Amino acid sequence: MLNERIKELRIARGMSQVELAEKLCVSKQSVSNWENDNIQPSIEMLVKIAHTFSVSTDYLLGEDSRSFLEVSNLTQTQISHIQQIIDDIGHH
């Protein structure tokens, strides 16, 4: 599950394994190993991955299927615009 979530999030953001590795200060091989389920990231790295993708560690581990958008730095008007877009997408 963790390996699939990492790969899914990376691809959804249009990042290569190399780009993710650079963001996390690890080797491309590490990212490849996580995605192929050869090794598990450390707890510290799991937290770093979660922050990079703005998801919870529970989401990464498959304990929580909800995903969230970080909107803390947006105005209430901007948040309501995003909510409207989400509502529109949900109705299609």
PDB file of N, CA and C in Angstrom:
ATOM      1  N   MET A   1       0.837  -1.199   0.000  1.00  0.00           N
ATOM      2  CA  MET A   1       0.000   0.000   0.000  1.00  0.00           C
ATOM      3  C   MET A   1       0.878   1.257   0.000  1.00  0.00           C
ATOM      4  N   LEU A   2       1.848   1.348   0.895  1.00  0.00           N
ATOM      5  CA  LEU A   2       2.714   2.525   0.978  1.00  0.00           C
ATOM      6  C   LEU A   2       3.424   2.759  -0.351  1.00  0.00           C
ATOM      7  N   ASN A   3       3.972   1.706  -0.928  1.00  0.00           N
ATOM      8  CA  ASN A   3       4.692   1.845  -2.194  1.00  0.00           C
ATOM      9  C   ASN A   3       3.774   2.388  -3.287  1.00  0.00           C
ATOM     10  N   GLU A   4       2.537   1.903  -3.322  1.00  0.00           N
ATOM     11  CA  GLU A   4       1.574   2.354  -4.332  1.00  0.00           C
ATOM     12  C   GLU A   4       1.194   3.807  -4.118  1.00  0.00           C
ATOM     13  N   ARG A   5       1.003   4.193  -2.864  1.00  0.00           N
ATOM     14  CA  ARG A   5       0.620   5.579  -2.570  1.00  0.00           C
ATOM     15  C   ARG A   5       1.735   6.545  -2.959  1.00  0.00           C
ATOM     16  N   ILE A   6       2.983   6.198  -2.657  1.00  0.00           N
ATOM     17  CA  ILE A   6       4.104   7.077  -3.005  1.00  0.00           C
ATOM     18  C   ILE A   6       4.148   7.264  -4.524  1.00  0.00           C
ATOM     19  N   LYS A   7       4.061   6.174  -5.248  1.00  0.00           N
ATOM     20  CA  LYS A   7       4.130   6.230  -6.714  1.00  0.00           C
ATOM     21  C   LYS A   7       2.958   7.027  -7.281  1.00  0.00           C
ATOM     22  N   GLU A   8       1.769   6.753  -6.774  1.00  0.00           N
ATOM     23  CA  GLU A   8       0.552   7.421  -7.226  1.00  0.00           C
ATOM     24  C   GLU A   8       0.646   8.933  -7.010  1.00  0.00           C
ATOM     25  N   LEU A   9       1.091   9.345  -5.825  1.00  0.00           N
ATOM     26  CA  LEU A   9       1.210  10.772  -5.512  1.00  0.00           C
ATOM     27  C   LEU A   9       2.289  11.430  -6.372  1.00  0.00           C
ATOM     28  N   ARG A  10       3.393  10.738  -6.550  1.00  0.00           N
ATOM     29  CA  ARG A  10       4.501  11.280  -7.354  1.00  0.00           C
ATOM     30  C   ARG A  10       4.039  11.507  -8.791  1.00  0.00           C
ATOM     31  N   ILE A  11       3.390  10.506  -9.366  1.00  0.00           N
ATOM     32  CA  ILE A  11       2.935  10.600 -10.755  1.00  0.00           C
ATOM     33  C   ILE A  11       1.847  11.666 -10.896  1.00  0.00           C
ATOM     34  N   ALA A  12       0.936  11.723  -9.935  1.00  0.00           N
ATOM     35  CA  ALA A  12      -0.147  12.715  -9.980  1.00  0.00           C
ATOM     36  C   ALA A  12       0.399  14.139  -9.974  1.00  0.00           C
ATOM     37  N   ARG A  13       1.571  14.320  -9.384  1.00  0.00           N
ATOM     38  CA  ARG A  13       2.179  15.654  -9.336  1.00  0.00           C
ATOM     39  C   ARG A  13       3.181  15.865 -10.466  1.00  0.00           C
ATOM     40  N   GLY A  14       3.245  14.893 -11.369  1.00  0.00           N
ATOM     41  CA  GLY A  14       4.115  15.031 -12.536  1.00  0.00           C
ATOM     42  C   GLY A  14       5.594  15.037 -12.201  1.00  0.00           C
ATOM     43  N   MET A  15       5.951  14.338 -11.121  1.00  0.00           N
ATOM     44  CA  MET A  15       7.350  14.291 -10.688  1.00  0.00           C
ATOM     45  C   MET A  15       7.996  12.984 -11.120  1.00  0.00           C
ATOM     46  N   SER A  16       9.268  13.061 -11.504  1.00  0.00           N
ATOM     47  CA  SER A  16      10.036  11.839 -11.770  1.00  0.00           C
ATOM     48  C   SER A  16      10.577  11.319 -10.446  1.00  0.00           C
ATOM     49  N   GLN A  17      11.082  10.094 -10.455  1.00  0.00           N
ATOM     50  CA  GLN A  17      11.721   9.559  -9.240  1.00  0.00           C
ATOM     51  C   GLN A  17      12.915  10.432  -8.857  1.00  0.00           C
ATOM     52  N   VAL A  18      13.633  10.914  -9.844  1.00  0.00           N
ATOM     53  CA  VAL A  18      14.806  11.768  -9.591  1.00  0.00           C
ATOM     54  C   VAL A  18      14.381  13.062  -8.896  1.00  0.00           C
ATOM     55  N   GLU A  19      13.291  13.681  -9.386  1.00  0.00           N
ATOM     56  CA  GLU A  19      12.814  14.936  -8.788  1.00  0.00           C
ATOM     57  C   GLU A  19      12.365  14.730  -7.342  1.00  0.00           C
ATOM     58  N   LEU A  20      11.657  13.638  -7.084  1.00  0.00           N
ATOM     59  CA  LEU A  20      11.230  13.355  -5.715  1.00  0.00           C
ATOM     60  C   LEU A  20      12.452  13.097  -4.834  1.00  0.00           C
ATOM     61  N   ALA A  21      13.400  12.342  -5.347  1.00  0.00           N
ATOM     62  CA  ALA A  21      14.621  12.044  -4.592  1.00  0.00           C
ATOM     63  C   ALA A  21      15.347  13.334  -4.211  1.00  0.00           C
ATOM     64  N   GLU A  22      15.437  14.267  -5.154  1.00  0.00           N
ATOM     65  CA  GLU A  22      16.115  15.547  -4.886  1.00  0.00           C
ATOM     66  C   GLU A  22      15.380  16.331  -3.808  1.00  0.00           C
ATOM     67  N   LYS A  23      14.039  16.362  -3.895  1.00  0.00           N
ATOM     68  CA  LYS A  23      13.234  17.072  -2.893  1.00  0.00           C
ATOM     69  C   LYS A  23      13.452  16.503  -1.493  1.00  0.00           C
ATOM     70  N   LEU A  24      13.627  15.175  -1.411  1.00  0.00           N
ATOM     71  CA  LEU A  24      13.753  14.506  -0.117  1.00  0.00           C
ATOM     72  C   LEU A  24      15.209  14.304   0.312  1.00  0.00           C
ATOM     73  N   CYS A  25      16.149  14.730  -0.562  1.00  0.00           N
ATOM     74  CA  CYS A  25      17.590  14.570  -0.285  1.00  0.00           C
ATOM     75  C   CYS A  25      17.974  13.099  -0.097  1.00  0.00           C
ATOM     76  N   VAL A  26      17.446  12.256  -0.979  1.00  0.00           N
ATOM     77  CA  VAL A  26      17.810  10.840  -0.990  1.00  0.00           C
ATOM     78  C   VAL A  26      18.194  10.477  -2.420  1.00  0.00           C
ATOM     79  N   SER A  27      18.667   9.248  -2.620  1.00  0.00           N
ATOM     80  CA  SER A  27      19.027   8.808  -3.968  1.00  0.00           C
ATOM     81  C   SER A  27      17.783   8.378  -4.733  1.00  0.00           C
ATOM     82  N   LYS A  28      17.882   8.400  -6.059  1.00  0.00           N
ATOM     83  CA  LYS A  28      16.794   7.902  -6.897  1.00  0.00           C
ATOM     84  C   LYS A  28      16.540   6.437  -6.553  1.00  0.00           C
ATOM     85  N   GLN A  29      17.598   5.711  -6.222  1.00  0.00           N
ATOM     86  CA  GLN A  29      17.489   4.294  -5.871  1.00  0.00           C
ATOM     87  C   GLN A  29      16.577   4.094  -4.656  1.00  0.00           C
ATOM     88  N   SER A  30      16.667   5.004  -3.693  1.00  0.00           N
ATOM     89  CA  SER A  30      15.788   4.917  -2.515  1.00  0.00           C
ATOM     90  C   SER A  30      14.333   5.015  -2.936  1.00  0.00           C
ATOM     91  N   VAL A  31      14.016   6.008  -3.767  1.00  0.00           N
ATOM     92  CA  VAL A  31      12.637   6.193  -4.234  1.00  0.00           C
ATOM     93  C   VAL A  31      12.187   4.942  -4.999  1.00  0.00           C
ATOM     94  N   SER A  32      13.044   4.454  -5.871  1.00  0.00           N
ATOM     95  CA  SER A  32      12.746   3.254  -6.644  1.00  0.00           C
ATOM     96  C   SER A  32      12.482   2.063  -5.719  1.00  0.00           C
ATOM     97  N   ASN A  33      13.322   1.900  -4.704  1.00  0.00           N
ATOM     98  CA  ASN A  33      13.155   0.798  -3.741  1.00  0.00           C
ATOM     99  C   ASN A  33      11.840   0.907  -2.970  1.00  0.00           C
ATOM    100  N   TRP A  34      11.459   2.136  -2.577  1.00  0.00           N
ATOM    101  CA  TRP A  34      10.178   2.308  -1.878  1.00  0.00           C
ATOM    102  C   TRP A  34       9.033   1.916  -2.792  1.00  0.00           C
ATOM    103  N   GLU A  35       9.083   2.419  -4.035  1.00  0.00           N
ATOM    104  CA  GLU A  35       7.976   2.186  -4.967  1.00  0.00           C
ATOM    105  C   GLU A  35       7.873   0.719  -5.376  1.00  0.00           C
ATOM    106  N   ASN A  36       8.992   0.028  -5.397  1.00  0.00           N
ATOM    107  CA  ASN A  36       8.978  -1.404  -5.746  1.00  0.00           C
ATOM    108  C   ASN A  36       8.777  -2.290  -4.523  1.00  0.00           C
ATOM    109  N   ASP A  37       8.577  -1.651  -3.361  1.00  0.00           N
ATOM    110  CA  ASP A  37       8.336  -2.343  -2.099  1.00  0.00           C
ATOM    111  C   ASP A  37       9.511  -3.225  -1.672  1.00  0.00           C
ATOM    112  N   ASN A  38      10.730  -2.808  -2.061  1.00  0.00           N
ATOM    113  CA  ASN A  38      11.933  -3.535  -1.638  1.00  0.00           C
ATOM    114  C   ASN A  38      12.336  -3.137  -0.223  1.00  0.00           C
ATOM    115  N   ILE A  39      12.193  -1.851   0.073  1.00  0.00           N
ATOM    116  CA  ILE A  39      12.485  -1.345   1.417  1.00  0.00           C
ATOM    117  C   ILE A  39      11.414  -0.337   1.810  1.00  0.00           C
ATOM    118  N   GLN A  40      11.290  -0.089   3.096  1.00  0.00           N
ATOM    119  CA  GLN A  40      10.347   0.895   3.617  1.00  0.00           C
ATOM    120  C   GLN A  40      11.129   2.145   4.023  1.00  0.00           C
ATOM    121  N   PRO A  41      10.571   3.317   3.781  1.00  0.00           N
ATOM    122  CA  PRO A  41      11.240   4.528   4.278  1.00  0.00           C
ATOM    123  C   PRO A  41      11.236   4.545   5.812  1.00  0.00           C
ATOM    124  N   SER A  42      12.211   5.227   6.380  1.00  0.00           N
ATOM    125  CA  SER A  42      12.251   5.392   7.837  1.00  0.00           C
ATOM    126  C   SER A  42      11.039   6.215   8.278  1.00  0.00           C
ATOM    127  N   ILE A  43      10.766   6.213   9.557  1.00  0.00           N
ATOM    128  CA  ILE A  43       9.654   7.011  10.085  1.00  0.00           C
ATOM    129  C   ILE A  43       9.879   8.484   9.783  1.00  0.00           C
ATOM    130  N   GLU A  44      11.116   8.958   9.974  1.00  0.00           N
ATOM    131  CA  GLU A  44      11.427  10.363   9.676  1.00  0.00           C
ATOM    132  C   GLU A  44      11.169  10.667   8.202  1.00  0.00           C
ATOM    133  N   MET A  45      11.556   9.736   7.324  1.00  0.00           N
ATOM    134  CA  MET A  45      11.361   9.942   5.890  1.00  0.00           C
ATOM    135  C   MET A  45       9.888   9.870   5.526  1.00  0.00           C
ATOM    136  N   LEU A  46       9.144   9.015   6.200  1.00  0.00           N
ATOM    137  CA  LEU A  46       7.703   8.911   5.973  1.00  0.00           C
ATOM    138  C   LEU A  46       7.038  10.269   6.234  1.00  0.00           C
ATOM    139  N   VAL A  47       7.440  10.911   7.310  1.00  0.00           N
ATOM    140  CA  VAL A  47       6.911  12.231   7.659  1.00  0.00           C
ATOM    141  C   VAL A  47       7.292  13.249   6.576  1.00  0.00           C
ATOM    142  N   LYS A  48       8.531  13.174   6.112  1.00  0.00           N
ATOM    143  CA  LYS A  48       9.004  14.075   5.056  1.00  0.00           C
ATOM    144  C   LYS A  48       8.218  13.868   3.757  1.00  0.00           C
ATOM    145  N   ILE A  49       7.942  12.624   3.420  1.00  0.00           N
ATOM    146  CA  ILE A  49       7.169  12.303   2.215  1.00  0.00           C
ATOM    147  C   ILE A  49       5.755  12.863   2.358  1.00  0.00           C
ATOM    148  N   ALA A  50       5.158  12.662   3.523  1.00  0.00           N
ATOM    149  CA  ALA A  50       3.802  13.168   3.786  1.00  0.00           C
ATOM    150  C   ALA A  50       3.764  14.681   3.616  1.00  0.00           C
ATOM    151  N   HIS A  51       4.751  15.392   4.168  1.00  0.00           N
ATOM    152  CA  HIS A  51       4.804  16.856   4.050  1.00  0.00           C
ATOM    153  C   HIS A  51       4.984  17.268   2.593  1.00  0.00           C
ATOM    154  N   THR A  52       5.833  16.551   1.872  1.00  0.00           N
ATOM    155  CA  THR A  52       6.096  16.869   0.463  1.00  0.00           C
ATOM    156  C   THR A  52       4.821  16.809  -0.361  1.00  0.00           C
ATOM    157  N   PHE A  53       3.985  15.815  -0.085  1.00  0.00           N
ATOM    158  CA  PHE A  53       2.760  15.636  -0.855  1.00  0.00           C
ATOM    159  C   PHE A  53       1.521  16.221  -0.175  1.00  0.00           C
ATOM    160  N   SER A  54       1.700  16.880   0.978  1.00  0.00           N
ATOM    161  CA  SER A  54       0.580  17.456   1.741  1.00  0.00           C
ATOM    162  C   SER A  54      -0.497  16.419   2.037  1.00  0.00           C
ATOM    163  N   VAL A  55      -0.058  15.243   2.495  1.00  0.00           N
ATOM    164  CA  VAL A  55      -0.990  14.199   2.924  1.00  0.00           C
ATOM    165  C   VAL A  55      -0.599  13.764   4.338  1.00  0.00           C
ATOM    166  N   SER A  56      -1.458  13.006   4.982  1.00  0.00           N
ATOM    167  CA  SER A  56      -1.130  12.497   6.310  1.00  0.00           C
ATOM    168  C   SER A  56      -0.305  11.219   6.190  1.00  0.00           C
ATOM    169  N   THR A  57       0.409  10.896   7.245  1.00  0.00           N
ATOM    170  CA  THR A  57       1.131   9.617   7.248  1.00  0.00           C
ATOM    171  C   THR A  57       0.125   8.464   7.226  1.00  0.00           C
ATOM    172  N   ASP A  58      -1.030   8.642   7.859  1.00  0.00           N
ATOM    173  CA  ASP A  58      -2.077   7.615   7.810  1.00  0.00           C
ATOM    174  C   ASP A  58      -2.516   7.367   6.368  1.00  0.00           C
ATOM    175  N   TYR A  59      -2.625   8.435   5.588  1.00  0.00           N
ATOM    176  CA  TYR A  59      -2.996   8.275   4.179  1.00  0.00           C
ATOM    177  C   TYR A  59      -1.924   7.467   3.449  1.00  0.00           C
ATOM    178  N   LEU A  60      -0.661   7.823   3.663  1.00  0.00           N
ATOM    179  CA  LEU A  60       0.432   7.089   3.011  1.00  0.00           C
ATOM    180  C   LEU A  60       0.402   5.609   3.377  1.00  0.00           C
ATOM    181  N   LEU A  61       0.088   5.320   4.628  1.00  0.00           N
ATOM    182  CA  LEU A  61       0.104   3.938   5.114  1.00  0.00           C
ATOM    183  C   LEU A  61      -1.189   3.182   4.801  1.00  0.00           C
ATOM    184  N   GLY A  62      -2.149   3.871   4.197  1.00  0.00           N
ATOM    185  CA  GLY A  62      -3.397   3.213   3.832  1.00  0.00           C
ATOM    186  C   GLY A  62      -4.379   3.078   4.983  1.00  0.00           C
ATOM    187  N   GLU A  63      -4.120   3.795   6.075  1.00  0.00           N
ATOM    188  CA  GLU A  63      -5.014   3.730   7.236  1.00  0.00           C
ATOM    189  C   GLU A  63      -6.165   4.719   7.113  1.00  0.00           C
ATOM    190  N   ASP A  64      -6.033   5.645   6.170  1.00  0.00           N
ATOM    191  CA  ASP A  64      -7.029   6.696   5.999  1.00  0.00           C
ATOM    192  C   ASP A  64      -7.104   6.996   4.511  1.00  0.00           C
ATOM    193  N   SER A  65      -8.270   6.862   3.918  1.00  0.00           N
ATOM    194  CA  SER A  65      -8.374   7.078   2.470  1.00  0.00           C
ATOM    195  C   SER A  65      -8.716   8.521   2.114  1.00  0.00           C
ATOM    196  N   ARG A  66      -8.952   9.356   3.128  1.00  0.00           N
ATOM    197  CA  ARG A  66      -9.266  10.755   2.839  1.00  0.00           C
ATOM    198  C   ARG A  66      -8.000  11.480   2.399  1.00  0.00           C
ATOM    199  N   SER A  67      -8.173  12.429   1.502  1.00  0.00           N
ATOM    200  CA  SER A  67      -7.039  13.289   1.167  1.00  0.00           C
ATOM    201  C   SER A  67      -7.478  14.734   1.375  1.00  0.00           C
ATOM    202  N   PHE A  68      -6.523  15.584   1.623  1.00  0.00           N
ATOM    203  CA  PHE A  68      -6.802  16.953   2.018  1.00  0.00           C
ATOM    204  C   PHE A  68      -6.002  17.926   1.174  1.00  0.00           C
ATOM    205  N   LEU A  69      -6.524  19.137   1.044  1.00  0.00           N
ATOM    206  CA  LEU A  69      -5.781  20.222   0.431  1.00  0.00           C
ATOM    207  C   LEU A  69      -5.357  21.171   1.542  1.00  0.00           C
ATOM    208  N   GLU A  70      -4.124  21.604   1.499  1.00  0.00           N
ATOM    209  CA  GLU A  70      -3.624  22.568   2.478  1.00  0.00           C
ATOM    210  C   GLU A  70      -4.086  23.952   2.042  1.00  0.00           C
ATOM    211  N   VAL A  71      -4.933  24.575   2.831  1.00  0.00           N
ATOM    212  CA  VAL A  71      -5.475  25.885   2.462  1.00  0.00           C
ATOM    213  C   VAL A  71      -5.214  26.951   3.528  1.00  0.00           C
ATOM    214  N   SER A  72      -4.320  26.648   4.454  1.00  0.00           N
ATOM    215  CA  SER A  72      -4.076  27.552   5.579  1.00  0.00           C
ATOM    216  C   SER A  72      -3.654  28.956   5.156  1.00  0.00           C
ATOM    217  N   ASN A  73      -2.923  29.076   4.055  1.00  0.00           N
ATOM    218  CA  ASN A  73      -2.410  30.384   3.648  1.00  0.00           C
ATOM    219  C   ASN A  73      -3.343  31.120   2.689  1.00  0.00           C
ATOM    220  N   LEU A  74      -4.525  30.557   2.454  1.00  0.00           N
ATOM    221  CA  LEU A  74      -5.471  31.181   1.536  1.00  0.00           C
ATOM    222  C   LEU A  74      -6.511  31.989   2.299  1.00  0.00           C
ATOM    223  N   THR A  75      -7.103  32.949   1.594  1.00  0.00           N
ATOM    224  CA  THR A  75      -8.189  33.727   2.197  1.00  0.00           C
ATOM    225  C   THR A  75      -9.460  32.892   2.175  1.00  0.00           C
ATOM    226  N   GLN A  76     -10.441  33.311   2.931  1.00  0.00           N
ATOM    227  CA  GLN A  76     -11.723  32.605   2.967  1.00  0.00           C
ATOM    228  C   GLN A  76     -12.371  32.627   1.580  1.00  0.00           C
ATOM    229  N   THR A  77     -12.198  33.735   0.851  1.00  0.00           N
ATOM    230  CA  THR A  77     -12.751  33.835  -0.505  1.00  0.00           C
ATOM    231  C   THR A  77     -12.085  32.825  -1.430  1.00  0.00           C
ATOM    232  N   GLN A  78     -10.759  32.700  -1.350  1.00  0.00           N
ATOM    233  CA  GLN A  78     -10.039  31.734  -2.182  1.00  0.00           C
ATOM    234  C   GLN A  78     -10.483  30.308  -1.846  1.00  0.00           C
ATOM    235  N   ILE A  79     -10.644  30.030  -0.560  1.00  0.00           N
ATOM    236  CA  ILE A  79     -11.080  28.697  -0.130  1.00  0.00           C
ATOM    237  C   ILE A  79     -12.472  28.401  -0.684  1.00  0.00           C
ATOM    238  N   SER A  80     -13.357  29.377  -0.657  1.00  0.00           N
ATOM    239  CA  SER A  80     -14.712  29.126  -1.166  1.00  0.00           C
ATOM    240  C   SER A  80     -14.702  28.912  -2.675  1.00  0.00           C
ATOM    241  N   HIS A  81     -13.794  29.578  -3.401  1.00  0.00           N
ATOM    242  CA  HIS A  81     -13.654  29.339  -4.840  1.00  0.00           C
ATOM    243  C   HIS A  81     -13.199  27.904  -5.097  1.00  0.00           C
ATOM    244  N   ILE A  82     -12.228  27.433  -4.328  1.00  0.00           N
ATOM    245  CA  ILE A  82     -11.744  26.059  -4.483  1.00  0.00           C
ATOM    246  C   ILE A  82     -12.863  25.073  -4.157  1.00  0.00           C
ATOM    247  N   GLN A  83     -13.626  25.353  -3.116  1.00  0.00           N
ATOM    248  CA  GLN A  83     -14.747  24.473  -2.749  1.00  0.00           C
ATOM    249  C   GLN A  83     -15.755  24.398  -3.884  1.00  0.00           C
ATOM    250  N   GLN A  84     -16.001  25.527  -4.544  1.00  0.00           N
ATOM    251  CA  GLN A  84     -16.943  25.552  -5.674  1.00  0.00           C
ATOM    252  C   GLN A  84     -16.442  24.671  -6.815  1.00  0.00           C
ATOM    253  N   ILE A  85     -15.136  24.747  -7.098  1.00  0.00           N
ATOM    254  CA  ILE A  85     -14.547  23.919  -8.150  1.00  0.00           C
ATOM    255  C   ILE A  85     -14.692  22.433  -7.789  1.00  0.00           C
ATOM    256  N   ILE A  86     -14.415  22.092  -6.530  1.00  0.00           N
ATOM    257  CA  ILE A  86     -14.530  20.702  -6.075  1.00  0.00           C
ATOM    258  C   ILE A  86     -15.984  20.235  -6.210  1.00  0.00           C
ATOM    259  N   ASP A  87     -16.934  21.083  -5.833  1.00  0.00           N
ATOM    260  CA  ASP A  87     -18.346  20.739  -5.957  1.00  0.00           C
ATOM    261  C   ASP A  87     -18.716  20.510  -7.423  1.00  0.00           C
ATOM    262  N   ASP A  88     -18.230  21.383  -8.306  1.00  0.00           N
ATOM    263  CA  ASP A  88     -18.514  21.249  -9.739  1.00  0.00           C
ATOM    264  C   ASP A  88     -17.953  19.942 -10.299  1.00  0.00           C
ATOM    265  N   ILE A  89     -16.736  19.604  -9.917  1.00  0.00           N
ATOM    266  CA  ILE A  89     -16.092  18.368 -10.397  1.00  0.00           C
ATOM    267  C   ILE A  89     -16.883  17.164  -9.903  1.00  0.00           C
ATOM    268  N   GLY A  90     -17.318  17.213  -8.657  1.00  0.00           N
ATOM    269  CA  GLY A  90     -18.050  16.099  -8.058  1.00  0.00           C
ATOM    270  C   GLY A  90     -19.384  15.805  -8.727  1.00  0.00           C
ATOM    271  N   HIS A  91     -19.932  16.799  -9.414  1.00  0.00           N
ATOM    272  CA  HIS A  91     -21.245  16.628 -10.053  1.00  0.00           C
ATOM    273  C   HIS A  91     -21.137  16.109 -11.488  1.00  0.00           C
ATOM    274  N   HIS A  92     -19.916  15.917 -11.965  1.00  0.00           N
ATOM    275  CA  HIS A  92     -19.743  15.419 -13.344  1.00  0.00           C
ATOM    276  C   HIS A  92     -19.532  13.942 -13.395  1.00  0.00           C
TER     277      HIS A  92
END
